[in-house]
Amino acid sequence: MPTKPKPDATLPKFSPEQIAAARTDAPEATAPDGIDWSRAVLTEGGGVKATLTSLRRQRGPNKRPVKEQVAIRFSPEVLAYFRAQGRGWQTRMDEALKEFIKSHRSTE
């Protein structure tokens, strides 16, 4: 099992203020490629993956999916009919099934 490398105690530690001051003192230290790095995030500890995970926005409670994902089989004619209607065919199929339930529930 690979071990985590030990930090080198001989390397100096710089505060964010010291780093900012060094950047203003050395304009050649800015990105020569014209890329704006002002929104870059310094990754510490867990690396890039951990940083991206912590920055990922989570869905709020009102944004959670209200539908359930299932695997279901339909006849080719049914699928062809709904797919021919273009984007949103699954939503239209859902609405058609809801209408079927409403019409048959009231007659029972």
PDB file of N, CA and C in Angstrom:
ATOM      1  N   MET A   1       0.851  -1.173   0.000  1.00  0.00           N
ATOM      2  CA  MET A   1       0.000   0.000   0.000  1.00  0.00           C
ATOM      3  C   MET A   1       0.896   1.235   0.000  1.00  0.00           C
ATOM      4  N   PRO A   2       0.699   2.159  -0.949  1.00  0.00           N
ATOM      5  CA  PRO A   2       1.553   3.339  -0.989  1.00  0.00           C
ATOM      6  C   PRO A   2       1.294   4.229   0.216  1.00  0.00           C
ATOM      7  N   THR A   3       2.355   4.788   0.714  1.00  0.00           N
ATOM      8  CA  THR A   3       2.223   5.681   1.859  1.00  0.00           C
ATOM      9  C   THR A   3       2.162   7.117   1.384  1.00  0.00           C
ATOM     10  N   LYS A   4       1.530   7.931   2.185  1.00  0.00           N
ATOM     11  CA  LYS A   4       1.405   9.344   1.870  1.00  0.00           C
ATOM     12  C   LYS A   4       2.762  10.008   2.105  1.00  0.00           C
ATOM     13  N   PRO A   5       3.252  10.794   1.147  1.00  0.00           N
ATOM     14  CA  PRO A   5       4.546  11.433   1.360  1.00  0.00           C
ATOM     15  C   PRO A   5       4.471  12.432   2.510  1.00  0.00           C
ATOM     16  N   LYS A   6       5.536  12.461   3.293  1.00  0.00           N
ATOM     17  CA  LYS A   6       5.577  13.380   4.427  1.00  0.00           C
ATOM     18  C   LYS A   6       5.914  14.776   3.928  1.00  0.00           C
ATOM     19  N   PRO A   7       5.269  15.793   4.502  1.00  0.00           N
ATOM     20  CA  PRO A   7       5.586  17.150   4.073  1.00  0.00           C
ATOM     21  C   PRO A   7       7.029  17.493   4.445  1.00  0.00           C
ATOM     22  N   ASP A   8       7.669  18.216   3.561  1.00  0.00           N
ATOM     23  CA  ASP A   8       9.053  18.614   3.783  1.00  0.00           C
ATOM     24  C   ASP A   8       9.069  19.786   4.757  1.00  0.00           C
ATOM     25  N   ALA A   9       9.671  19.584   5.912  1.00  0.00           N
ATOM     26  CA  ALA A   9       9.712  20.616   6.947  1.00  0.00           C
ATOM     27  C   ALA A   9      10.608  21.778   6.544  1.00  0.00           C
ATOM     28  N   THR A  10      11.450  21.582   5.544  1.00  0.00           N
ATOM     29  CA  THR A  10      12.358  22.652   5.137  1.00  0.00           C
ATOM     30  C   THR A  10      11.698  23.649   4.195  1.00  0.00           C
ATOM     31  N   LEU A  11      10.542  23.299   3.626  1.00  0.00           N
ATOM     32  CA  LEU A  11       9.860  24.223   2.732  1.00  0.00           C
ATOM     33  C   LEU A  11       9.182  25.324   3.541  1.00  0.00           C
ATOM     34  N   PRO A  12       9.323  26.568   3.120  1.00  0.00           N
ATOM     35  CA  PRO A  12       8.680  27.659   3.867  1.00  0.00           C
ATOM     36  C   PRO A  12       7.167  27.649   3.648  1.00  0.00           C
ATOM     37  N   LYS A  13       6.440  28.081   4.647  1.00  0.00           N
ATOM     38  CA  LYS A  13       4.986  28.204   4.569  1.00  0.00           C
ATOM     39  C   LYS A  13       4.658  29.672   4.337  1.00  0.00           C
ATOM     40  N   PHE A  14       3.797  29.940   3.364  1.00  0.00           N
ATOM     41  CA  PHE A  14       3.420  31.311   3.052  1.00  0.00           C
ATOM     42  C   PHE A  14       1.935  31.505   3.307  1.00  0.00           C
ATOM     43  N   SER A  15       1.585  32.665   3.838  1.00  0.00           N
ATOM     44  CA  SER A  15       0.181  33.002   4.056  1.00  0.00           C
ATOM     45  C   SER A  15      -0.406  33.494   2.736  1.00  0.00           C
ATOM     46  N   PRO A  16      -1.736  33.497   2.615  1.00  0.00           N
ATOM     47  CA  PRO A  16      -2.349  34.027   1.388  1.00  0.00           C
ATOM     48  C   PRO A  16      -1.951  35.479   1.118  1.00  0.00           C
ATOM     49  N   GLU A  17      -1.758  36.253   2.190  1.00  0.00           N
ATOM     50  CA  GLU A  17      -1.356  37.650   2.020  1.00  0.00           C
ATOM     51  C   GLU A  17       0.049  37.738   1.425  1.00  0.00           C
ATOM     52  N   GLN A  18       0.944  36.877   1.895  1.00  0.00           N
ATOM     53  CA  GLN A  18       2.307  36.876   1.370  1.00  0.00           C
ATOM     54  C   GLN A  18       2.325  36.450  -0.100  1.00  0.00           C
ATOM     55  N   ILE A  19       1.491  35.492  -0.445  1.00  0.00           N
ATOM     56  CA  ILE A  19       1.418  35.039  -1.835  1.00  0.00           C
ATOM     57  C   ILE A  19       0.884  36.159  -2.726  1.00  0.00           C
ATOM     58  N   ALA A  20      -0.161  36.866  -2.259  1.00  0.00           N
ATOM     59  CA  ALA A  20      -0.725  37.974  -3.034  1.00  0.00           C
ATOM     60  C   ALA A  20       0.300  39.083  -3.213  1.00  0.00           C
ATOM     61  N   ALA A  21       1.050  39.384  -2.156  1.00  0.00           N
ATOM     62  CA  ALA A  21       2.081  40.423  -2.250  1.00  0.00           C
ATOM     63  C   ALA A  21       3.164  40.024  -3.241  1.00  0.00           C
ATOM     64  N   ALA A  22       3.548  38.766  -3.244  1.00  0.00           N
ATOM     65  CA  ALA A  22       4.576  38.300  -4.175  1.00  0.00           C
ATOM     66  C   ALA A  22       4.083  38.386  -5.613  1.00  0.00           C
ATOM     67  N   ARG A  23       2.813  38.151  -5.828  1.00  0.00           N
ATOM     68  CA  ARG A  23       2.273  38.231  -7.183  1.00  0.00           C
ATOM     69  C   ARG A  23       2.280  39.661  -7.702  1.00  0.00           C
ATOM     70  N   THR A  24       1.962  40.621  -6.823  1.00  0.00           N
ATOM     71  CA  THR A  24       1.963  42.019  -7.265  1.00  0.00           C
ATOM     72  C   THR A  24       3.380  42.520  -7.485  1.00  0.00           C
ATOM     73  N   ASP A  25       4.336  41.990  -6.724  1.00  0.00           N
ATOM     74  CA  ASP A  25       5.732  42.394  -6.887  1.00  0.00           C
ATOM     75  C   ASP A  25       6.347  41.796  -8.143  1.00  0.00           C
ATOM     76  N   ALA A  26       5.802  40.698  -8.633  1.00  0.00           N
ATOM     77  CA  ALA A  26       6.372  40.019  -9.797  1.00  0.00           C
ATOM     78  C   ALA A  26       5.302  39.852 -10.866  1.00  0.00           C
ATOM     79  N   PRO A  27       5.096  40.879 -11.702  1.00  0.00           N
ATOM     80  CA  PRO A  27       4.039  40.768 -12.717  1.00  0.00           C
ATOM     81  C   PRO A  27       4.271  39.637 -13.706  1.00  0.00           C
ATOM     82  N   GLU A  28       5.530  39.215 -13.873  1.00  0.00           N
ATOM     83  CA  GLU A  28       5.792  38.110 -14.789  1.00  0.00           C
ATOM     84  C   GLU A  28       5.263  36.789 -14.241  1.00  0.00           C
ATOM     85  N   ALA A  29       4.883  36.767 -12.962  1.00  0.00           N
ATOM     86  CA  ALA A  29       4.344  35.551 -12.362  1.00  0.00           C
ATOM     87  C   ALA A  29       2.875  35.341 -12.735  1.00  0.00           C
ATOM     88  N   THR A  30       2.279  36.339 -13.361  1.00  0.00           N
ATOM     89  CA  THR A  30       0.890  36.172 -13.787  1.00  0.00           C
ATOM     90  C   THR A  30       0.844  35.270 -15.011  1.00  0.00           C
ATOM     91  N   ALA A  31      -0.311  34.769 -15.304  1.00  0.00           N
ATOM     92  CA  ALA A  31      -0.465  33.799 -16.394  1.00  0.00           C
ATOM     93  C   ALA A  31      -0.134  34.435 -17.739  1.00  0.00           C
ATOM     94  N   PRO A  32       0.879  33.937 -18.435  1.00  0.00           N
ATOM     95  CA  PRO A  32       1.234  34.502 -19.736  1.00  0.00           C
ATOM     96  C   PRO A  32       0.282  34.070 -20.846  1.00  0.00           C
ATOM     97  N   ASP A  33      -0.520  33.052 -20.579  1.00  0.00           N
ATOM     98  CA  ASP A  33      -1.393  32.518 -21.615  1.00  0.00           C
ATOM     99  C   ASP A  33      -2.712  33.269 -21.746  1.00  0.00           C
ATOM    100  N   GLY A  34      -2.915  34.301 -20.939  1.00  0.00           N
ATOM    101  CA  GLY A  34      -4.129  35.092 -21.022  1.00  0.00           C
ATOM    102  C   GLY A  34      -5.325  34.469 -20.334  1.00  0.00           C
ATOM    103  N   ILE A  35      -5.136  33.396 -19.602  1.00  0.00           N
ATOM    104  CA  ILE A  35      -6.233  32.736 -18.896  1.00  0.00           C
ATOM    105  C   ILE A  35      -6.472  33.452 -17.576  1.00  0.00           C
ATOM    106  N   ASP A  36      -7.730  33.688 -17.256  1.00  0.00           N
ATOM    107  CA  ASP A  36      -8.086  34.337 -15.998  1.00  0.00           C
ATOM    108  C   ASP A  36      -8.129  33.277 -14.899  1.00  0.00           C
ATOM    109  N   TRP A  37      -7.176  33.339 -14.000  1.00  0.00           N
ATOM    110  CA  TRP A  37      -7.088  32.376 -12.906  1.00  0.00           C
ATOM    111  C   TRP A  37      -7.669  32.938 -11.610  1.00  0.00           C
ATOM    112  N   SER A  38      -8.384  34.066 -11.688  1.00  0.00           N
ATOM    113  CA  SER A  38      -8.876  34.706 -10.463  1.00  0.00           C
ATOM    114  C   SER A  38      -9.897  33.844  -9.720  1.00  0.00           C
ATOM    115  N   ARG A  39     -10.577  32.942 -10.432  1.00  0.00           N
ATOM    116  CA  ARG A  39     -11.571  32.088  -9.770  1.00  0.00           C
ATOM    117  C   ARG A  39     -11.045  30.681  -9.519  1.00  0.00           C
ATOM    118  N   ALA A  40      -9.747  30.490  -9.701  1.00  0.00           N
ATOM    119  CA  ALA A  40      -9.151  29.170  -9.466  1.00  0.00           C
ATOM    120  C   ALA A  40      -9.232  28.825  -7.984  1.00  0.00           C
ATOM    121  N   VAL A  41      -9.327  27.550  -7.696  1.00  0.00           N
ATOM    122  CA  VAL A  41      -9.437  27.077  -6.318  1.00  0.00           C
ATOM    123  C   VAL A  41      -8.192  26.279  -5.980  1.00  0.00           C
ATOM    124  N   LEU A  42      -7.567  26.622  -4.872  1.00  0.00           N
ATOM    125  CA  LEU A  42      -6.392  25.903  -4.402  1.00  0.00           C
ATOM    126  C   LEU A  42      -6.858  24.623  -3.722  1.00  0.00           C
ATOM    127  N   THR A  43      -6.366  23.494  -4.180  1.00  0.00           N
ATOM    128  CA  THR A  43      -6.762  22.223  -3.580  1.00  0.00           C
ATOM    129  C   THR A  43      -5.764  21.824  -2.514  1.00  0.00           C
ATOM    130  N   GLU A  44      -6.273  21.461  -1.380  1.00  0.00           N
ATOM    131  CA  GLU A  44      -5.431  21.020  -0.277  1.00  0.00           C
ATOM    132  C   GLU A  44      -5.986  19.709   0.252  1.00  0.00           C
ATOM    133  N   GLY A  45      -5.137  18.901   0.788  1.00  0.00           N
ATOM    134  CA  GLY A  45      -5.594  17.668   1.424  1.00  0.00           C
ATOM    135  C   GLY A  45      -6.002  16.609   0.430  1.00  0.00           C
ATOM    136  N   GLY A  46      -7.296  16.513   0.130  1.00  0.00           N
ATOM    137  CA  GLY A  46      -7.819  15.428  -0.685  1.00  0.00           C
ATOM    138  C   GLY A  46      -7.609  15.574  -2.167  1.00  0.00           C
ATOM    139  N   GLY A  47      -7.058  16.672  -2.623  1.00  0.00           N
ATOM    140  CA  GLY A  47      -6.802  16.844  -4.039  1.00  0.00           C
ATOM    141  C   GLY A  47      -7.989  17.382  -4.801  1.00  0.00           C
ATOM    142  N   VAL A  48      -7.908  17.289  -6.104  1.00  0.00           N
ATOM    143  CA  VAL A  48      -8.910  17.877  -6.989  1.00  0.00           C
ATOM    144  C   VAL A  48     -10.279  17.236  -6.797  1.00  0.00           C
ATOM    145  N   LYS A  49     -10.329  15.912  -6.692  1.00  0.00           N
ATOM    146  CA  LYS A  49     -11.614  15.220  -6.564  1.00  0.00           C
ATOM    147  C   LYS A  49     -12.352  15.663  -5.300  1.00  0.00           C
ATOM    148  N   ALA A  50     -11.638  15.754  -4.183  1.00  0.00           N
ATOM    149  CA  ALA A  50     -12.269  16.176  -2.931  1.00  0.00           C
ATOM    150  C   ALA A  50     -12.755  17.620  -3.029  1.00  0.00           C
ATOM    151  N   THR A  51     -11.972  18.478  -3.682  1.00  0.00           N
ATOM    152  CA  THR A  51     -12.371  19.874  -3.831  1.00  0.00           C
ATOM    153  C   THR A  51     -13.616  19.986  -4.695  1.00  0.00           C
ATOM    154  N   LEU A  52     -13.649  19.275  -5.816  1.00  0.00           N
ATOM    155  CA  LEU A  52     -14.825  19.321  -6.681  1.00  0.00           C
ATOM    156  C   LEU A  52     -16.062  18.791  -5.975  1.00  0.00           C
ATOM    157  N   THR A  53     -15.900  17.744  -5.186  1.00  0.00           N
ATOM    158  CA  THR A  53     -17.022  17.189  -4.432  1.00  0.00           C
ATOM    159  C   THR A  53     -17.554  18.211  -3.436  1.00  0.00           C
ATOM    160  N   SER A  54     -16.650  18.935  -2.773  1.00  0.00           N
ATOM    161  CA  SER A  54     -17.090  19.917  -1.782  1.00  0.00           C
ATOM    162  C   SER A  54     -17.737  21.130  -2.441  1.00  0.00           C
ATOM    163  N   LEU A  55     -17.327  21.463  -3.672  1.00  0.00           N
ATOM    164  CA  LEU A  55     -17.878  22.625  -4.356  1.00  0.00           C
ATOM    165  C   LEU A  55     -19.161  22.318  -5.115  1.00  0.00           C
ATOM    166  N   ARG A  56     -19.447  21.039  -5.354  1.00  0.00           N
ATOM    167  CA  ARG A  56     -20.635  20.659  -6.123  1.00  0.00           C
ATOM    168  C   ARG A  56     -21.887  21.099  -5.379  1.00  0.00           C
ATOM    169  N   ARG A  57     -22.747  21.755  -6.105  1.00  0.00           N
ATOM    170  CA  ARG A  57     -23.986  22.220  -5.483  1.00  0.00           C
ATOM    171  C   ARG A  57     -24.953  21.054  -5.348  1.00  0.00           C
ATOM    172  N   GLN A  58     -25.607  20.985  -4.229  1.00  0.00           N
ATOM    173  CA  GLN A  58     -26.565  19.916  -3.969  1.00  0.00           C
ATOM    174  C   GLN A  58     -27.963  20.404  -4.320  1.00  0.00           C
ATOM    175  N   ARG A  59     -28.799  19.484  -4.710  1.00  0.00           N
ATOM    176  CA  ARG A  59     -30.189  19.831  -4.978  1.00  0.00           C
ATOM    177  C   ARG A  59     -30.889  20.160  -3.671  1.00  0.00           C
ATOM    178  N   GLY A  60     -31.725  21.162  -3.715  1.00  0.00           N
ATOM    179  CA  GLY A  60     -32.508  21.513  -2.547  1.00  0.00           C
ATOM    180  C   GLY A  60     -33.637  20.525  -2.337  1.00  0.00           C
ATOM    181  N   PRO A  61     -34.310  20.600  -1.187  1.00  0.00           N
ATOM    182  CA  PRO A  61     -35.377  19.637  -0.907  1.00  0.00           C
ATOM    183  C   PRO A  61     -36.536  19.733  -1.892  1.00  0.00           C
ATOM    184  N   ASN A  62     -36.757  20.918  -2.470  1.00  0.00           N
ATOM    185  CA  ASN A  62     -37.855  21.052  -3.417  1.00  0.00           C
ATOM    186  C   ASN A  62     -37.455  20.632  -4.827  1.00  0.00           C
ATOM    187  N   LYS A  63     -36.208  20.249  -5.039  1.00  0.00           N
ATOM    188  CA  LYS A  63     -35.737  19.866  -6.364  1.00  0.00           C
ATOM    189  C   LYS A  63     -35.503  18.364  -6.494  1.00  0.00           C
ATOM    190  N   ARG A  64     -35.816  17.610  -5.464  1.00  0.00           N
ATOM    191  CA  ARG A  64     -35.591  16.166  -5.536  1.00  0.00           C
ATOM    192  C   ARG A  64     -36.553  15.551  -6.546  1.00  0.00           C
ATOM    193  N   PRO A  65     -36.133  14.515  -7.224  1.00  0.00           N
ATOM    194  CA  PRO A  65     -37.020  13.885  -8.215  1.00  0.00           C
ATOM    195  C   PRO A  65     -38.288  13.349  -7.570  1.00  0.00           C
ATOM    196  N   VAL A  66     -39.403  13.597  -8.224  1.00  0.00           N
ATOM    197  CA  VAL A  66     -40.679  13.111  -7.700  1.00  0.00           C
ATOM    198  C   VAL A  66     -41.139  11.875  -8.463  1.00  0.00           C
ATOM    199  N   LYS A  67     -40.383  11.496  -9.480  1.00  0.00           N
ATOM    200  CA  LYS A  67     -40.727  10.310 -10.256  1.00  0.00           C
ATOM    201  C   LYS A  67     -39.775   9.181  -9.897  1.00  0.00           C
ATOM    202  N   GLU A  68     -40.221   7.976 -10.148  1.00  0.00           N
ATOM    203  CA  GLU A  68     -39.410   6.796  -9.858  1.00  0.00           C
ATOM    204  C   GLU A  68     -38.921   6.198 -11.172  1.00  0.00           C
ATOM    205  N   GLN A  69     -37.646   5.875 -11.223  1.00  0.00           N
ATOM    206  CA  GLN A  69     -37.079   5.281 -12.430  1.00  0.00           C
ATOM    207  C   GLN A  69     -37.270   3.769 -12.388  1.00  0.00           C
ATOM    208  N   VAL A  70     -37.857   3.228 -13.459  1.00  0.00           N
ATOM    209  CA  VAL A  70     -38.093   1.788 -13.560  1.00  0.00           C
ATOM    210  C   VAL A  70     -37.739   1.321 -14.971  1.00  0.00           C
ATOM    211  N   ALA A  71     -37.546   0.033 -15.101  1.00  0.00           N
ATOM    212  CA  ALA A  71     -37.361  -0.570 -16.427  1.00  0.00           C
ATOM    213  C   ALA A  71     -38.685  -1.214 -16.807  1.00  0.00           C
ATOM    214  N   ILE A  72     -39.227  -0.836 -17.938  1.00  0.00           N
ATOM    215  CA  ILE A  72     -40.535  -1.334 -18.360  1.00  0.00           C
ATOM    216  C   ILE A  72     -40.486  -1.607 -19.864  1.00  0.00           C
ATOM    217  N   ARG A  73     -41.295  -2.544 -20.319  1.00  0.00           N
ATOM    218  CA  ARG A  73     -41.308  -2.909 -21.739  1.00  0.00           C
ATOM    219  C   ARG A  73     -42.642  -2.485 -22.355  1.00  0.00           C
ATOM    220  N   PHE A  74     -42.567  -1.805 -23.495  1.00  0.00           N
ATOM    221  CA  PHE A  74     -43.748  -1.401 -24.249  1.00  0.00           C
ATOM    222  C   PHE A  74     -43.675  -2.023 -25.635  1.00  0.00           C
ATOM    223  N   SER A  75     -44.825  -2.159 -26.259  1.00  0.00           N
ATOM    224  CA  SER A  75     -44.841  -2.692 -27.625  1.00  0.00           C
ATOM    225  C   SER A  75     -44.234  -1.646 -28.567  1.00  0.00           C
ATOM    226  N   PRO A  76     -43.664  -2.103 -29.676  1.00  0.00           N
ATOM    227  CA  PRO A  76     -43.019  -1.170 -30.612  1.00  0.00           C
ATOM    228  C   PRO A  76     -43.966  -0.094 -31.146  1.00  0.00           C
ATOM    229  N   GLU A  77     -45.254  -0.443 -31.326  1.00  0.00           N
ATOM    230  CA  GLU A  77     -46.214   0.537 -31.840  1.00  0.00           C
ATOM    231  C   GLU A  77     -46.404   1.692 -30.865  1.00  0.00           C
ATOM    232  N   VAL A  78     -46.492   1.366 -29.573  1.00  0.00           N
ATOM    233  CA  VAL A  78     -46.682   2.404 -28.555  1.00  0.00           C
ATOM    234  C   VAL A  78     -45.467   3.322 -28.520  1.00  0.00           C
ATOM    235  N   LEU A  79     -44.289   2.736 -28.497  1.00  0.00           N
ATOM    236  CA  LEU A  79     -43.068   3.544 -28.471  1.00  0.00           C
ATOM    237  C   LEU A  79     -42.940   4.393 -29.727  1.00  0.00           C
ATOM    238  N   ALA A  80     -43.237   3.819 -30.878  1.00  0.00           N
ATOM    239  CA  ALA A  80     -43.136   4.573 -32.133  1.00  0.00           C
ATOM    240  C   ALA A  80     -44.081   5.765 -32.129  1.00  0.00           C
ATOM    241  N   TYR A  81     -45.296   5.570 -31.608  1.00  0.00           N
ATOM    242  CA  TYR A  81     -46.274   6.656 -31.568  1.00  0.00           C
ATOM    243  C   TYR A  81     -45.766   7.820 -30.724  1.00  0.00           C
ATOM    244  N   PHE A  82     -45.314   7.529 -29.508  1.00  0.00           N
ATOM    245  CA  PHE A  82     -44.881   8.607 -28.622  1.00  0.00           C
ATOM    246  C   PHE A  82     -43.555   9.222 -29.071  1.00  0.00           C
ATOM    247  N   ARG A  83     -42.635   8.409 -29.550  1.00  0.00           N
ATOM    248  CA  ARG A  83     -41.344   8.942 -30.011  1.00  0.00           C
ATOM    249  C   ARG A  83     -41.512   9.827 -31.241  1.00  0.00           C
ATOM    250  N   ALA A  84     -42.496   9.526 -32.065  1.00  0.00           N
ATOM    251  CA  ALA A  84     -42.732  10.322 -33.274  1.00  0.00           C
ATOM    252  C   ALA A  84     -43.156  11.749 -32.937  1.00  0.00           C
ATOM    253  N   GLN A  85     -43.622  11.971 -31.722  1.00  0.00           N
ATOM    254  CA  GLN A  85     -44.052  13.304 -31.305  1.00  0.00           C
ATOM    255  C   GLN A  85     -42.878  14.195 -30.911  1.00  0.00           C
ATOM    256  N   GLY A  86     -41.678  13.638 -30.870  1.00  0.00           N
ATOM    257  CA  GLY A  86     -40.488  14.454 -30.598  1.00  0.00           C
ATOM    258  C   GLY A  86     -40.116  14.499 -29.128  1.00  0.00           C
ATOM    259  N   ARG A  87     -39.295  15.510 -28.816  1.00  0.00           N
ATOM    260  CA  ARG A  87     -38.798  15.653 -27.445  1.00  0.00           C
ATOM    261  C   ARG A  87     -39.948  15.716 -26.450  1.00  0.00           C
ATOM    262  N   GLY A  88     -39.732  15.126 -25.287  1.00  0.00           N
ATOM    263  CA  GLY A  88     -40.752  15.114 -24.253  1.00  0.00           C
ATOM    264  C   GLY A  88     -41.723  13.959 -24.378  1.00  0.00           C
ATOM    265  N   TRP A  89     -41.372  12.983 -25.208  1.00  0.00           N
ATOM    266  CA  TRP A  89     -42.304  11.870 -25.429  1.00  0.00           C
ATOM    267  C   TRP A  89     -42.543  11.067 -24.163  1.00  0.00           C
ATOM    268  N   GLN A  90     -41.544  10.956 -23.293  1.00  0.00           N
ATOM    269  CA  GLN A  90     -41.734  10.197 -22.052  1.00  0.00           C
ATOM    270  C   GLN A  90     -42.693  10.933 -21.116  1.00  0.00           C
ATOM    271  N   THR A  91     -42.599  12.255 -21.092  1.00  0.00           N
ATOM    272  CA  THR A  91     -43.520  13.040 -20.269  1.00  0.00           C
ATOM    273  C   THR A  91     -44.943  12.901 -20.794  1.00  0.00           C
ATOM    274  N   ARG A  92     -45.099  12.944 -22.118  1.00  0.00           N
ATOM    275  CA  ARG A  92     -46.437  12.769 -22.695  1.00  0.00           C
ATOM    276  C   ARG A  92     -46.983  11.373 -22.426  1.00  0.00           C
ATOM    277  N   MET A  93     -46.120  10.381 -22.444  1.00  0.00           N
ATOM    278  CA  MET A  93     -46.550   9.020 -22.128  1.00  0.00           C
ATOM    279  C   MET A  93     -47.012   8.947 -20.668  1.00  0.00           C
ATOM    280  N   ASP A  94     -46.289   9.616 -19.786  1.00  0.00           N
ATOM    281  CA  ASP A  94     -46.658   9.659 -18.371  1.00  0.00           C
ATOM    282  C   ASP A  94     -48.028  10.317 -18.202  1.00  0.00           C
ATOM    283  N   GLU A  95     -48.245  11.421 -18.915  1.00  0.00           N
ATOM    284  CA  GLU A  95     -49.535  12.113 -18.832  1.00  0.00           C
ATOM    285  C   GLU A  95     -50.667  11.235 -19.367  1.00  0.00           C
ATOM    286  N   ALA A  96     -50.416  10.515 -20.447  1.00  0.00           N
ATOM    287  CA  ALA A  96     -51.443   9.631 -21.014  1.00  0.00           C
ATOM    288  C   ALA A  96     -51.809   8.526 -20.027  1.00  0.00           C
ATOM    289  N   LEU A  97     -50.820   7.988 -19.350  1.00  0.00           N
ATOM    290  CA  LEU A  97     -51.098   6.942 -18.358  1.00  0.00           C
ATOM    291  C   LEU A  97     -51.858   7.505 -17.157  1.00  0.00           C
ATOM    292  N   LYS A  98     -51.539   8.736 -16.758  1.00  0.00           N
ATOM    293  CA  LYS A  98     -52.278   9.373 -15.656  1.00  0.00           C
ATOM    294  C   LYS A  98     -53.736   9.589 -16.043  1.00  0.00           C
ATOM    295  N   GLU A  99     -53.971  10.027 -17.280  1.00  0.00           N
ATOM    296  CA  GLU A  99     -55.343  10.207 -17.758  1.00  0.00           C
ATOM    297  C   GLU A  99     -56.093   8.877 -17.772  1.00  0.00           C
ATOM    298  N   PHE A 100     -55.425   7.817 -18.179  1.00  0.00           N
ATOM    299  CA  PHE A 100     -56.030   6.491 -18.182  1.00  0.00           C
ATOM    300  C   PHE A 100     -56.445   6.102 -16.762  1.00  0.00           C
ATOM    301  N   ILE A 101     -55.573   6.363 -15.797  1.00  0.00           N
ATOM    302  CA  ILE A 101     -55.886   6.037 -14.396  1.00  0.00           C
ATOM    303  C   ILE A 101     -57.094   6.832 -13.926  1.00  0.00           C
ATOM    304  N   LYS A 102     -57.132   8.138 -14.233  1.00  0.00           N
ATOM    305  CA  LYS A 102     -58.253   8.980 -13.806  1.00  0.00           C
ATOM    306  C   LYS A 102     -59.569   8.487 -14.398  1.00  0.00           C
ATOM    307  N   SER A 103     -59.562   8.152 -15.676  1.00  0.00           N
ATOM    308  CA  SER A 103     -60.808   7.738 -16.328  1.00  0.00           C
ATOM    309  C   SER A 103     -61.280   6.373 -15.831  1.00  0.00           C
ATOM    310  N   HIS A 104     -60.376   5.503 -15.493  1.00  0.00           N
ATOM    311  CA  HIS A 104     -60.768   4.177 -15.023  1.00  0.00           C
ATOM    312  C   HIS A 104     -61.019   4.137 -13.522  1.00  0.00           C
ATOM    313  N   ARG A 105     -60.449   5.047 -12.788  1.00  0.00           N
ATOM    314  CA  ARG A 105     -60.674   5.097 -11.347  1.00  0.00           C
ATOM    315  C   ARG A 105     -62.092   5.585 -11.054  1.00  0.00           C
ATOM    316  N   SER A 106     -62.592   6.521 -11.845  1.00  0.00           N
ATOM    317  CA  SER A 106     -63.931   7.065 -11.602  1.00  0.00           C
ATOM    318  C   SER A 106     -65.036   6.092 -11.995  1.00  0.00           C
ATOM    319  N   THR A 107     -64.746   5.114 -12.856  1.00  0.00           N
ATOM    320  CA  THR A 107     -65.778   4.164 -13.286  1.00  0.00           C
ATOM    321  C   THR A 107     -65.843   2.926 -12.404  1.00  0.00           C
ATOM    322  N   GLU A 108     -64.918   2.775 -11.483  1.00  0.00           N
ATOM    323  CA  GLU A 108     -64.919   1.573 -10.627  1.00  0.00           C
ATOM    324  C   GLU A 108     -65.965   1.649  -9.556  1.00  0.00           C
TER     325      GLU A 108
END
